[in-house]
Amino acid sequence: MKSGKQLLATKITGHCRDETGCRTLREYLAEVARTAMKGEDVSIKRLMGDSDWQTVLGEALVRAGVLPGEILTPDEDDPAYIECEFNWNAFEALIDRACRALARER
């Protein structure tokens, strides 16, 4: 298991990087915090402007090898759409650890 610091350094790729411009999990979570600090709406359903943010971020974490899961074959009708399967409890625990590590850095 990676330390919190290592977890925050996880590289973000795929749709998550394309949609947010964030290169690491640290940048992603810091951007969420900055958005909230500015008083902008940070609805859990529309985090970073994406209603499917958990799947988008989960895909990046599966690709990085820190979240067990599987990237499924893209839909033939929509090759840009990629489906990703992972354990939601593991995802939530990983994000919780990363948030706590980020808070300790501040």
PDB file of N, CA and C in Angstrom:
ATOM      1  N   MET A   1       0.847  -1.177   0.000  1.00  0.00           N
ATOM      2  CA  MET A   1       0.000   0.000   0.000  1.00  0.00           C
ATOM      3  C   MET A   1       0.897   1.247   0.000  1.00  0.00           C
ATOM      4  N   LYS A   2       0.547   2.189  -0.849  1.00  0.00           N
ATOM      5  CA  LYS A   2       1.322   3.420  -0.947  1.00  0.00           C
ATOM      6  C   LYS A   2       1.037   4.330   0.242  1.00  0.00           C
ATOM      7  N   SER A   3       2.037   5.119   0.599  1.00  0.00           N
ATOM      8  CA  SER A   3       1.836   6.121   1.649  1.00  0.00           C
ATOM      9  C   SER A   3       0.938   7.225   1.101  1.00  0.00           C
ATOM     10  N   GLY A   4       0.430   8.058   1.983  1.00  0.00           N
ATOM     11  CA  GLY A   4      -0.405   9.177   1.548  1.00  0.00           C
ATOM     12  C   GLY A   4       0.332  10.089   0.587  1.00  0.00           C
ATOM     13  N   LYS A   5       1.595  10.344   0.877  1.00  0.00           N
ATOM     14  CA  LYS A   5       2.403  11.215   0.021  1.00  0.00           C
ATOM     15  C   LYS A   5       2.580  10.595  -1.366  1.00  0.00           C
ATOM     16  N   GLN A   6       2.840   9.292  -1.409  1.00  0.00           N
ATOM     17  CA  GLN A   6       2.978   8.600  -2.694  1.00  0.00           C
ATOM     18  C   GLN A   6       1.650   8.599  -3.447  1.00  0.00           C
ATOM     19  N   LEU A   7       0.575   8.414  -2.718  1.00  0.00           N
ATOM     20  CA  LEU A   7      -0.749   8.402  -3.319  1.00  0.00           C
ATOM     21  C   LEU A   7      -1.052   9.750  -3.977  1.00  0.00           C
ATOM     22  N   LEU A   8      -0.721  10.830  -3.302  1.00  0.00           N
ATOM     23  CA  LEU A   8      -0.964  12.161  -3.854  1.00  0.00           C
ATOM     24  C   LEU A   8      -0.139  12.420  -5.112  1.00  0.00           C
ATOM     25  N   ALA A   9       0.993  11.758  -5.237  1.00  0.00           N
ATOM     26  CA  ALA A   9       1.853  11.929  -6.407  1.00  0.00           C
ATOM     27  C   ALA A   9       1.406  11.078  -7.596  1.00  0.00           C
ATOM     28  N   THR A  10       0.347  10.300  -7.421  1.00  0.00           N
ATOM     29  CA  THR A  10      -0.157   9.446  -8.502  1.00  0.00           C
ATOM     30  C   THR A  10      -0.469  10.287  -9.731  1.00  0.00           C
ATOM     31  N   LYS A  11       0.061   9.872 -10.857  1.00  0.00           N
ATOM     32  CA  LYS A  11      -0.160  10.576 -12.126  1.00  0.00           C
ATOM     33  C   LYS A  11      -1.595  10.363 -12.604  1.00  0.00           C
ATOM     34  N   ILE A  12      -2.205  11.430 -13.056  1.00  0.00           N
ATOM     35  CA  ILE A  12      -3.557  11.401 -13.594  1.00  0.00           C
ATOM     36  C   ILE A  12      -3.456  11.376 -15.120  1.00  0.00           C
ATOM     37  N   THR A  13      -4.148  10.426 -15.739  1.00  0.00           N
ATOM     38  CA  THR A  13      -4.137  10.311 -17.197  1.00  0.00           C
ATOM     39  C   THR A  13      -5.566  10.127 -17.707  1.00  0.00           C
ATOM     40  N   GLY A  14      -5.687   9.946 -18.981  1.00  0.00           N
ATOM     41  CA  GLY A  14      -6.977   9.631 -19.582  1.00  0.00           C
ATOM     42  C   GLY A  14      -7.959  10.780 -19.531  1.00  0.00           C
ATOM     43  N   HIS A  15      -9.232  10.428 -19.434  1.00  0.00           N
ATOM     44  CA  HIS A  15     -10.298  11.429 -19.452  1.00  0.00           C
ATOM     45  C   HIS A  15     -10.159  12.429 -18.314  1.00  0.00           C
ATOM     46  N   CYS A  16      -9.717  11.972 -17.151  1.00  0.00           N
ATOM     47  CA  CYS A  16      -9.598  12.849 -15.988  1.00  0.00           C
ATOM     48  C   CYS A  16      -8.612  13.979 -16.276  1.00  0.00           C
ATOM     49  N   ARG A  17      -7.462  13.643 -16.829  1.00  0.00           N
ATOM     50  CA  ARG A  17      -6.472  14.681 -17.159  1.00  0.00           C
ATOM     51  C   ARG A  17      -7.004  15.587 -18.266  1.00  0.00           C
ATOM     52  N   ASP A  18      -7.634  14.977 -19.262  1.00  0.00           N
ATOM     53  CA  ASP A  18      -8.175  15.767 -20.375  1.00  0.00           C
ATOM     54  C   ASP A  18      -9.221  16.767 -19.891  1.00  0.00           C
ATOM     55  N   GLU A  19     -10.067  16.349 -18.959  1.00  0.00           N
ATOM     56  CA  GLU A  19     -11.169  17.196 -18.503  1.00  0.00           C
ATOM     57  C   GLU A  19     -10.744  18.232 -17.473  1.00  0.00           C
ATOM     58  N   THR A  20      -9.732  17.935 -16.677  1.00  0.00           N
ATOM     59  CA  THR A  20      -9.373  18.840 -15.585  1.00  0.00           C
ATOM     60  C   THR A  20      -8.042  19.551 -15.784  1.00  0.00           C
ATOM     61  N   GLY A  21      -7.158  18.964 -16.557  1.00  0.00           N
ATOM     62  CA  GLY A  21      -5.817  19.529 -16.715  1.00  0.00           C
ATOM     63  C   GLY A  21      -4.896  19.190 -15.554  1.00  0.00           C
ATOM     64  N   CYS A  22      -5.406  18.467 -14.569  1.00  0.00           N
ATOM     65  CA  CYS A  22      -4.604  18.091 -13.401  1.00  0.00           C
ATOM     66  C   CYS A  22      -3.666  16.939 -13.764  1.00  0.00           C
ATOM     67  N   ARG A  23      -2.412  17.049 -13.306  1.00  0.00           N
ATOM     68  CA  ARG A  23      -1.426  16.016 -13.631  1.00  0.00           C
ATOM     69  C   ARG A  23      -1.277  14.973 -12.541  1.00  0.00           C
ATOM     70  N   THR A  24      -1.642  15.306 -11.303  1.00  0.00           N
ATOM     71  CA  THR A  24      -1.521  14.365 -10.188  1.00  0.00           C
ATOM     72  C   THR A  24      -2.796  14.393  -9.346  1.00  0.00           C
ATOM     73  N   LEU A  25      -2.942  13.385  -8.504  1.00  0.00           N
ATOM     74  CA  LEU A  25      -4.079  13.353  -7.594  1.00  0.00           C
ATOM     75  C   LEU A  25      -4.016  14.551  -6.650  1.00  0.00           C
ATOM     76  N   ARG A  26      -2.822  14.955  -6.233  1.00  0.00           N
ATOM     77  CA  ARG A  26      -2.650  16.134  -5.375  1.00  0.00           C
ATOM     78  C   ARG A  26      -3.242  17.371  -6.053  1.00  0.00           C
ATOM     79  N   GLU A  27      -2.912  17.586  -7.341  1.00  0.00           N
ATOM     80  CA  GLU A  27      -3.437  18.742  -8.071  1.00  0.00           C
ATOM     81  C   GLU A  27      -4.952  18.679  -8.175  1.00  0.00           C
ATOM     82  N   TYR A  28      -5.472  17.494  -8.416  1.00  0.00           N
ATOM     83  CA  TYR A  28      -6.922  17.320  -8.550  1.00  0.00           C
ATOM     84  C   TYR A  28      -7.624  17.715  -7.247  1.00  0.00           C
ATOM     85  N   LEU A  29      -7.167  17.147  -6.128  1.00  0.00           N
ATOM     86  CA  LEU A  29      -7.814  17.432  -4.847  1.00  0.00           C
ATOM     87  C   LEU A  29      -7.605  18.886  -4.427  1.00  0.00           C
ATOM     88  N   ALA A  30      -6.443  19.448  -4.732  1.00  0.00           N
ATOM     89  CA  ALA A  30      -6.186  20.855  -4.408  1.00  0.00           C
ATOM     90  C   ALA A  30      -7.107  21.766  -5.217  1.00  0.00           C
ATOM     91  N   GLU A  31      -7.371  21.409  -6.457  1.00  0.00           N
ATOM     92  CA  GLU A  31      -8.283  22.202  -7.293  1.00  0.00           C
ATOM     93  C   GLU A  31      -9.700  22.164  -6.731  1.00  0.00           C
ATOM     94  N   VAL A  32     -10.120  21.011  -6.260  1.00  0.00           N
ATOM     95  CA  VAL A  32     -11.438  20.900  -5.625  1.00  0.00           C
ATOM     96  C   VAL A  32     -11.490  21.819  -4.403  1.00  0.00           C
ATOM     97  N   ALA A  33     -10.435  21.802  -3.585  1.00  0.00           N
ATOM     98  CA  ALA A  33     -10.393  22.649  -2.385  1.00  0.00           C
ATOM     99  C   ALA A  33     -10.405  24.133  -2.764  1.00  0.00           C
ATOM    100  N   ARG A  34      -9.624  24.524  -3.787  1.00  0.00           N
ATOM    101  CA  ARG A  34      -9.596  25.924  -4.229  1.00  0.00           C
ATOM    102  C   ARG A  34     -10.970  26.374  -4.706  1.00  0.00           C
ATOM    103  N   THR A  35     -11.646  25.509  -5.436  1.00  0.00           N
ATOM    104  CA  THR A  35     -12.980  25.834  -5.938  1.00  0.00           C
ATOM    105  C   THR A  35     -13.927  26.080  -4.769  1.00  0.00           C
ATOM    106  N   ALA A  36     -13.861  25.221  -3.769  1.00  0.00           N
ATOM    107  CA  ALA A  36     -14.720  25.376  -2.594  1.00  0.00           C
ATOM    108  C   ALA A  36     -14.369  26.641  -1.812  1.00  0.00           C
ATOM    109  N   MET A  37     -13.076  26.936  -1.689  1.00  0.00           N
ATOM    110  CA  MET A  37     -12.631  28.121  -0.931  1.00  0.00           C
ATOM    111  C   MET A  37     -13.085  29.420  -1.599  1.00  0.00           C
ATOM    112  N   LYS A  38     -13.218  29.399  -2.912  1.00  0.00           N
ATOM    113  CA  LYS A  38     -13.688  30.588  -3.637  1.00  0.00           C
ATOM    114  C   LYS A  38     -15.189  30.772  -3.474  1.00  0.00           C
ATOM    115  N   GLY A  39     -15.830  29.818  -2.841  1.00  0.00           N
ATOM    116  CA  GLY A  39     -17.273  29.894  -2.654  1.00  0.00           C
ATOM    117  C   GLY A  39     -18.052  29.408  -3.854  1.00  0.00           C
ATOM    118  N   GLU A  40     -17.343  28.787  -4.800  1.00  0.00           N
ATOM    119  CA  GLU A  40     -18.027  28.260  -5.974  1.00  0.00           C
ATOM    120  C   GLU A  40     -18.702  26.945  -5.612  1.00  0.00           C
ATOM    121  N   ASP A  41     -19.723  26.613  -6.366  1.00  0.00           N
ATOM    122  CA  ASP A  41     -20.481  25.394  -6.116  1.00  0.00           C
ATOM    123  C   ASP A  41     -19.612  24.170  -6.357  1.00  0.00           C
ATOM    124  N   VAL A  42     -19.460  23.340  -5.334  1.00  0.00           N
ATOM    125  CA  VAL A  42     -18.734  22.081  -5.462  1.00  0.00           C
ATOM    126  C   VAL A  42     -19.694  20.970  -5.042  1.00  0.00           C
ATOM    127  N   SER A  43     -20.684  20.762  -5.863  1.00  0.00           N
ATOM    128  CA  SER A  43     -21.648  19.708  -5.609  1.00  0.00           C
ATOM    129  C   SER A  43     -20.982  18.360  -5.845  1.00  0.00           C
ATOM    130  N   ILE A  44     -21.219  17.410  -4.983  1.00  0.00           N
ATOM    131  CA  ILE A  44     -20.630  16.081  -5.133  1.00  0.00           C
ATOM    132  C   ILE A  44     -21.054  15.457  -6.456  1.00  0.00           C
ATOM    133  N   LYS A  45     -22.223  15.837  -6.960  1.00  0.00           N
ATOM    134  CA  LYS A  45     -22.676  15.286  -8.237  1.00  0.00           C
ATOM    135  C   LYS A  45     -22.041  15.976  -9.428  1.00  0.00           C
ATOM    136  N   ARG A  46     -21.496  17.154  -9.232  1.00  0.00           N
ATOM    137  CA  ARG A  46     -20.925  17.904 -10.351  1.00  0.00           C
ATOM    138  C   ARG A  46     -19.488  18.323 -10.059  1.00  0.00           C
ATOM    139  N   LEU A  47     -18.784  17.515  -9.309  1.00  0.00           N
ATOM    140  CA  LEU A  47     -17.413  17.821  -8.950  1.00  0.00           C
ATOM    141  C   LEU A  47     -16.581  18.046 -10.202  1.00  0.00           C
ATOM    142  N   MET A  48     -15.877  19.126 -10.256  1.00  0.00           N
ATOM    143  CA  MET A  48     -15.024  19.476 -11.386  1.00  0.00           C
ATOM    144  C   MET A  48     -15.818  19.525 -12.690  1.00  0.00           C
ATOM    145  N   GLY A  49     -17.118  19.840 -12.594  1.00  0.00           N
ATOM    146  CA  GLY A  49     -17.940  19.987 -13.785  1.00  0.00           C
ATOM    147  C   GLY A  49     -18.328  18.685 -14.444  1.00  0.00           C
ATOM    148  N   ASP A  50     -18.158  17.567 -13.756  1.00  0.00           N
ATOM    149  CA  ASP A  50     -18.455  16.276 -14.367  1.00  0.00           C
ATOM    150  C   ASP A  50     -19.337  15.480 -13.422  1.00  0.00           C
ATOM    151  N   SER A  51     -20.547  15.150 -13.864  1.00  0.00           N
ATOM    152  CA  SER A  51     -21.463  14.418 -12.994  1.00  0.00           C
ATOM    153  C   SER A  51     -21.012  12.980 -12.760  1.00  0.00           C
ATOM    154  N   ASP A  52     -20.078  12.514 -13.558  1.00  0.00           N
ATOM    155  CA  ASP A  52     -19.571  11.150 -13.430  1.00  0.00           C
ATOM    156  C   ASP A  52     -18.121  11.169 -12.936  1.00  0.00           C
ATOM    157  N   TRP A  53     -17.813  12.121 -12.049  1.00  0.00           N
ATOM    158  CA  TRP A  53     -16.421  12.337 -11.646  1.00  0.00           C
ATOM    159  C   TRP A  53     -15.786  11.119 -10.988  1.00  0.00           C
ATOM    160  N   GLN A  54     -16.563  10.326 -10.243  1.00  0.00           N
ATOM    161  CA  GLN A  54     -15.973   9.166  -9.583  1.00  0.00           C
ATOM    162  C   GLN A  54     -15.436   8.169 -10.602  1.00  0.00           C
ATOM    163  N   THR A  55     -16.201   7.928 -11.654  1.00  0.00           N
ATOM    164  CA  THR A  55     -15.764   6.985 -12.678  1.00  0.00           C
ATOM    165  C   THR A  55     -14.570   7.539 -13.442  1.00  0.00           C
ATOM    166  N   VAL A  56     -14.593   8.829 -13.752  1.00  0.00           N
ATOM    167  CA  VAL A  56     -13.490   9.452 -14.484  1.00  0.00           C
ATOM    168  C   VAL A  56     -12.207   9.401 -13.650  1.00  0.00           C
ATOM    169  N   LEU A  57     -12.302   9.763 -12.372  1.00  0.00           N
ATOM    170  CA  LEU A  57     -11.131   9.707 -11.501  1.00  0.00           C
ATOM    171  C   LEU A  57     -10.738   8.257 -11.234  1.00  0.00           C
ATOM    172  N   GLY A  58     -11.724   7.391 -11.036  1.00  0.00           N
ATOM    173  CA  GLY A  58     -11.444   5.974 -10.822  1.00  0.00           C
ATOM    174  C   GLY A  58     -10.687   5.364 -11.985  1.00  0.00           C
ATOM    175  N   GLU A  59     -11.072   5.728 -13.202  1.00  0.00           N
ATOM    176  CA  GLU A  59     -10.364   5.237 -14.391  1.00  0.00           C
ATOM    177  C   GLU A  59      -8.885   5.624 -14.326  1.00  0.00           C
ATOM    178  N   ALA A  60      -8.609   6.870 -13.973  1.00  0.00           N
ATOM    179  CA  ALA A  60      -7.218   7.337 -13.885  1.00  0.00           C
ATOM    180  C   ALA A  60      -6.446   6.569 -12.813  1.00  0.00           C
ATOM    181  N   LEU A  61      -7.103   6.278 -11.697  1.00  0.00           N
ATOM    182  CA  LEU A  61      -6.431   5.570 -10.605  1.00  0.00           C
ATOM    183  C   LEU A  61      -6.219   4.096 -10.939  1.00  0.00           C
ATOM    184  N   VAL A  62      -7.152   3.503 -11.687  1.00  0.00           N
ATOM    185  CA  VAL A  62      -6.965   2.120 -12.156  1.00  0.00           C
ATOM    186  C   VAL A  62      -5.790   2.088 -13.130  1.00  0.00           C
ATOM    187  N   ARG A  63      -5.762   3.035 -14.066  1.00  0.00           N
ATOM    188  CA  ARG A  63      -4.665   3.101 -15.036  1.00  0.00           C
ATOM    189  C   ARG A  63      -3.309   3.279 -14.344  1.00  0.00           C
ATOM    190  N   ALA A  64      -3.305   4.018 -13.234  1.00  0.00           N
ATOM    191  CA  ALA A  64      -2.070   4.269 -12.492  1.00  0.00           C
ATOM    192  C   ALA A  64      -1.660   3.075 -11.628  1.00  0.00           C
ATOM    193  N   GLY A  65      -2.562   2.114 -11.470  1.00  0.00           N
ATOM    194  CA  GLY A  65      -2.245   0.918 -10.700  1.00  0.00           C
ATOM    195  C   GLY A  65      -2.426   1.049  -9.198  1.00  0.00           C
ATOM    196  N   VAL A  66      -3.072   2.122  -8.736  1.00  0.00           N
ATOM    197  CA  VAL A  66      -3.277   2.290  -7.293  1.00  0.00           C
ATOM    198  C   VAL A  66      -4.666   1.839  -6.844  1.00  0.00           C
ATOM    199  N   LEU A  67      -5.559   1.617  -7.808  1.00  0.00           N
ATOM    200  CA  LEU A  67      -6.906   1.145  -7.510  1.00  0.00           C
ATOM    201  C   LEU A  67      -7.156  -0.103  -8.344  1.00  0.00           C
ATOM    202  N   PRO A  68      -7.421  -1.240  -7.681  1.00  0.00           N
ATOM    203  CA  PRO A  68      -7.705  -2.452  -8.451  1.00  0.00           C
ATOM    204  C   PRO A  68      -8.971  -2.262  -9.287  1.00  0.00           C
ATOM    205  N   GLY A  69      -8.908  -2.677 -10.517  1.00  0.00           N
ATOM    206  CA  GLY A  69     -10.064  -2.551 -11.388  1.00  0.00           C
ATOM    207  C   GLY A  69      -9.728  -2.985 -12.794  1.00  0.00           C
ATOM    208  N   GLU A  70     -10.655  -2.721 -13.692  1.00  0.00           N
ATOM    209  CA  GLU A  70     -10.489  -3.150 -15.073  1.00  0.00           C
ATOM    210  C   GLU A  70     -11.045  -2.083 -16.010  1.00  0.00           C
ATOM    211  N   ILE A  71     -10.242  -1.735 -17.009  1.00  0.00           N
ATOM    212  CA  ILE A  71     -10.699  -0.850 -18.077  1.00  0.00           C
ATOM    213  C   ILE A  71     -11.321  -1.756 -19.141  1.00  0.00           C
ATOM    214  N   LEU A  72     -12.579  -1.542 -19.428  1.00  0.00           N
ATOM    215  CA  LEU A  72     -13.279  -2.387 -20.377  1.00  0.00           C
ATOM    216  C   LEU A  72     -13.111  -1.867 -21.794  1.00  0.00           C
ATOM    217  N   THR A  73     -13.330  -2.719 -22.742  1.00  0.00           N
ATOM    218  CA  THR A  73     -13.211  -2.371 -24.156  1.00  0.00           C
ATOM    219  C   THR A  73     -14.164  -1.228 -24.488  1.00  0.00           C
ATOM    220  N   PRO A  74     -13.662  -0.225 -25.205  1.00  0.00           N
ATOM    221  CA  PRO A  74     -14.550   0.882 -25.585  1.00  0.00           C
ATOM    222  C   PRO A  74     -15.727   0.402 -26.431  1.00  0.00           C
ATOM    223  N   ASP A  75     -16.797   1.119 -26.350  1.00  0.00           N
ATOM    224  CA  ASP A  75     -17.995   0.839 -27.139  1.00  0.00           C
ATOM    225  C   ASP A  75     -17.676   1.075 -28.615  1.00  0.00           C
ATOM    226  N   GLU A  76     -18.006   0.129 -29.468  1.00  0.00           N
ATOM    227  CA  GLU A  76     -17.720   0.263 -30.909  1.00  0.00           C
ATOM    228  C   GLU A  76     -18.410   1.487 -31.510  1.00  0.00           C
ATOM    229  N   ASP A  77     -19.597   1.827 -31.008  1.00  0.00           N
ATOM    230  CA  ASP A  77     -20.340   2.977 -31.536  1.00  0.00           C
ATOM    231  C   ASP A  77     -19.791   4.308 -31.022  1.00  0.00           C
ATOM    232  N   ASP A  78     -19.095   4.273 -29.898  1.00  0.00           N
ATOM    233  CA  ASP A  78     -18.542   5.499 -29.312  1.00  0.00           C
ATOM    234  C   ASP A  78     -17.173   5.193 -28.727  1.00  0.00           C
ATOM    235  N   PRO A  79     -16.120   5.184 -29.564  1.00  0.00           N
ATOM    236  CA  PRO A  79     -14.783   4.811 -29.090  1.00  0.00           C
ATOM    237  C   PRO A  79     -14.215   5.742 -28.018  1.00  0.00           C
ATOM    238  N   ALA A  80     -14.769   6.948 -27.886  1.00  0.00           N
ATOM    239  CA  ALA A  80     -14.293   7.874 -26.856  1.00  0.00           C
ATOM    240  C   ALA A  80     -14.812   7.463 -25.476  1.00  0.00           C
ATOM    241  N   TYR A  81     -15.884   6.668 -25.452  1.00  0.00           N
ATOM    242  CA  TYR A  81     -16.471   6.232 -24.183  1.00  0.00           C
ATOM    243  C   TYR A  81     -15.738   4.993 -23.696  1.00  0.00           C
ATOM    244  N   ILE A  82     -15.188   5.087 -22.499  1.00  0.00           N
ATOM    245  CA  ILE A  82     -14.485   3.958 -21.895  1.00  0.00           C
ATOM    246  C   ILE A  82     -15.169   3.641 -20.573  1.00  0.00           C
ATOM    247  N   GLU A  83     -15.464   2.395 -20.380  1.00  0.00           N
ATOM    248  CA  GLU A  83     -16.082   1.973 -19.132  1.00  0.00           C
ATOM    249  C   GLU A  83     -15.020   1.364 -18.236  1.00  0.00           C
ATOM    250  N   CYS A  84     -15.139   1.642 -16.962  1.00  0.00           N
ATOM    251  CA  CYS A  84     -14.151   1.171 -15.997  1.00  0.00           C
ATOM    252  C   CYS A  84     -14.901   0.555 -14.817  1.00  0.00           C
ATOM    253  N   GLU A  85     -14.453  -0.610 -14.393  1.00  0.00           N
ATOM    254  CA  GLU A  85     -15.045  -1.256 -13.217  1.00  0.00           C
ATOM    255  C   GLU A  85     -14.015  -1.277 -12.101  1.00  0.00           C
ATOM    256  N   PHE A  86     -14.456  -0.902 -10.898  1.00  0.00           N
ATOM    257  CA  PHE A  86     -13.591  -0.956  -9.724  1.00  0.00           C
ATOM    258  C   PHE A  86     -14.463  -1.048  -8.484  1.00  0.00           C
ATOM    259  N   ASN A  87     -13.851  -1.363  -7.362  1.00  0.00           N
ATOM    260  CA  ASN A  87     -14.551  -1.489  -6.092  1.00  0.00           C
ATOM    261  C   ASN A  87     -14.771  -0.091  -5.510  1.00  0.00           C
ATOM    262  N   TRP A  88     -16.038   0.283  -5.356  1.00  0.00           N
ATOM    263  CA  TRP A  88     -16.363   1.636  -4.884  1.00  0.00           C
ATOM    264  C   TRP A  88     -15.875   1.881  -3.457  1.00  0.00           C
ATOM    265  N   ASN A  89     -15.925   0.861  -2.604  1.00  0.00           N
ATOM    266  CA  ASN A  89     -15.433   1.033  -1.231  1.00  0.00           C
ATOM    267  C   ASN A  89     -13.937   1.301  -1.231  1.00  0.00           C
ATOM    268  N   ALA A  90     -13.200   0.589  -2.078  1.00  0.00           N
ATOM    269  CA  ALA A  90     -11.755   0.814  -2.184  1.00  0.00           C
ATOM    270  C   ALA A  90     -11.482   2.215  -2.725  1.00  0.00           C
ATOM    271  N   PHE A  91     -12.282   2.671  -3.695  1.00  0.00           N
ATOM    272  CA  PHE A  91     -12.136   4.023  -4.255  1.00  0.00           C
ATOM    273  C   PHE A  91     -12.336   5.062  -3.160  1.00  0.00           C
ATOM    274  N   GLU A  92     -13.418   4.932  -2.400  1.00  0.00           N
ATOM    275  CA  GLU A  92     -13.713   5.900  -1.343  1.00  0.00           C
ATOM    276  C   GLU A  92     -12.622   5.916  -0.277  1.00  0.00           C
ATOM    277  N   ALA A  93     -12.124   4.738   0.097  1.00  0.00           N
ATOM    278  CA  ALA A  93     -11.054   4.659   1.096  1.00  0.00           C
ATOM    279  C   ALA A  93      -9.782   5.317   0.569  1.00  0.00           C
ATOM    280  N   LEU A  94      -9.476   5.112  -0.702  1.00  0.00           N
ATOM    281  CA  LEU A  94      -8.287   5.695  -1.308  1.00  0.00           C
ATOM    282  C   LEU A  94      -8.393   7.224  -1.343  1.00  0.00           C
ATOM    283  N   ILE A  95      -9.537   7.747  -1.743  1.00  0.00           N
ATOM    284  CA  ILE A  95      -9.739   9.199  -1.788  1.00  0.00           C
ATOM    285  C   ILE A  95      -9.691   9.778  -0.380  1.00  0.00           C
ATOM    286  N   ASP A  96     -10.256   9.072   0.589  1.00  0.00           N
ATOM    287  CA  ASP A  96     -10.203   9.528   1.982  1.00  0.00           C
ATOM    288  C   ASP A  96      -8.755   9.623   2.460  1.00  0.00           C
ATOM    289  N   ARG A  97      -7.954   8.590   2.174  1.00  0.00           N
ATOM    290  CA  ARG A  97      -6.530   8.616   2.560  1.00  0.00           C
ATOM    291  C   ARG A  97      -5.798   9.766   1.894  1.00  0.00           C
ATOM    292  N   ALA A  98      -6.086   9.983   0.622  1.00  0.00           N
ATOM    293  CA  ALA A  98      -5.428  11.062  -0.118  1.00  0.00           C
ATOM    294  C   ALA A  98      -5.820  12.430   0.445  1.00  0.00           C
ATOM    295  N   CYS A  99      -7.086  12.616   0.778  1.00  0.00           N
ATOM    296  CA  CYS A  99      -7.536  13.894   1.350  1.00  0.00           C
ATOM    297  C   CYS A  99      -6.881  14.150   2.700  1.00  0.00           C
ATOM    298  N   ARG A 100      -6.785  13.120   3.517  1.00  0.00           N
ATOM    299  CA  ARG A 100      -6.140  13.275   4.824  1.00  0.00           C
ATOM    300  C   ARG A 100      -4.657  13.600   4.671  1.00  0.00           C
ATOM    301  N   ALA A 101      -4.006  12.989   3.701  1.00  0.00           N
ATOM    302  CA  ALA A 101      -2.590  13.275   3.445  1.00  0.00           C
ATOM    303  C   ALA A 101      -2.417  14.709   2.966  1.00  0.00           C
ATOM    304  N   LEU A 102      -3.313  15.169   2.110  1.00  0.00           N
ATOM    305  CA  LEU A 102      -3.250  16.544   1.619  1.00  0.00           C
ATOM    306  C   LEU A 102      -3.467  17.528   2.763  1.00  0.00           C
ATOM    307  N   ALA A 103      -4.401  17.229   3.648  1.00  0.00           N
ATOM    308  CA  ALA A 103      -4.661  18.105   4.793  1.00  0.00           C
ATOM    309  C   ALA A 103      -3.439  18.205   5.703  1.00  0.00           C
ATOM    310  N   ARG A 104      -2.706  17.103   5.863  1.00  0.00           N
ATOM    311  CA  ARG A 104      -1.504  17.124   6.706  1.00  0.00           C
ATOM    312  C   ARG A 104      -0.396  17.983   6.088  1.00  0.00           C
ATOM    313  N   GLU A 105      -0.418  18.151   4.772  1.00  0.00           N
ATOM    314  CA  GLU A 105       0.592  18.963   4.097  1.00  0.00           C
ATOM    315  C   GLU A 105       0.381  20.444   4.329  1.00  0.00           C
ATOM    316  N   ARG A 106      -0.814  20.844   4.636  1.00  0.00           N
ATOM    317  CA  ARG A 106      -1.153  22.259   4.759  1.00  0.00           C
ATOM    318  C   ARG A 106      -0.756  22.822   6.066  1.00  0.00           C
TER     319      ARG A 106
END
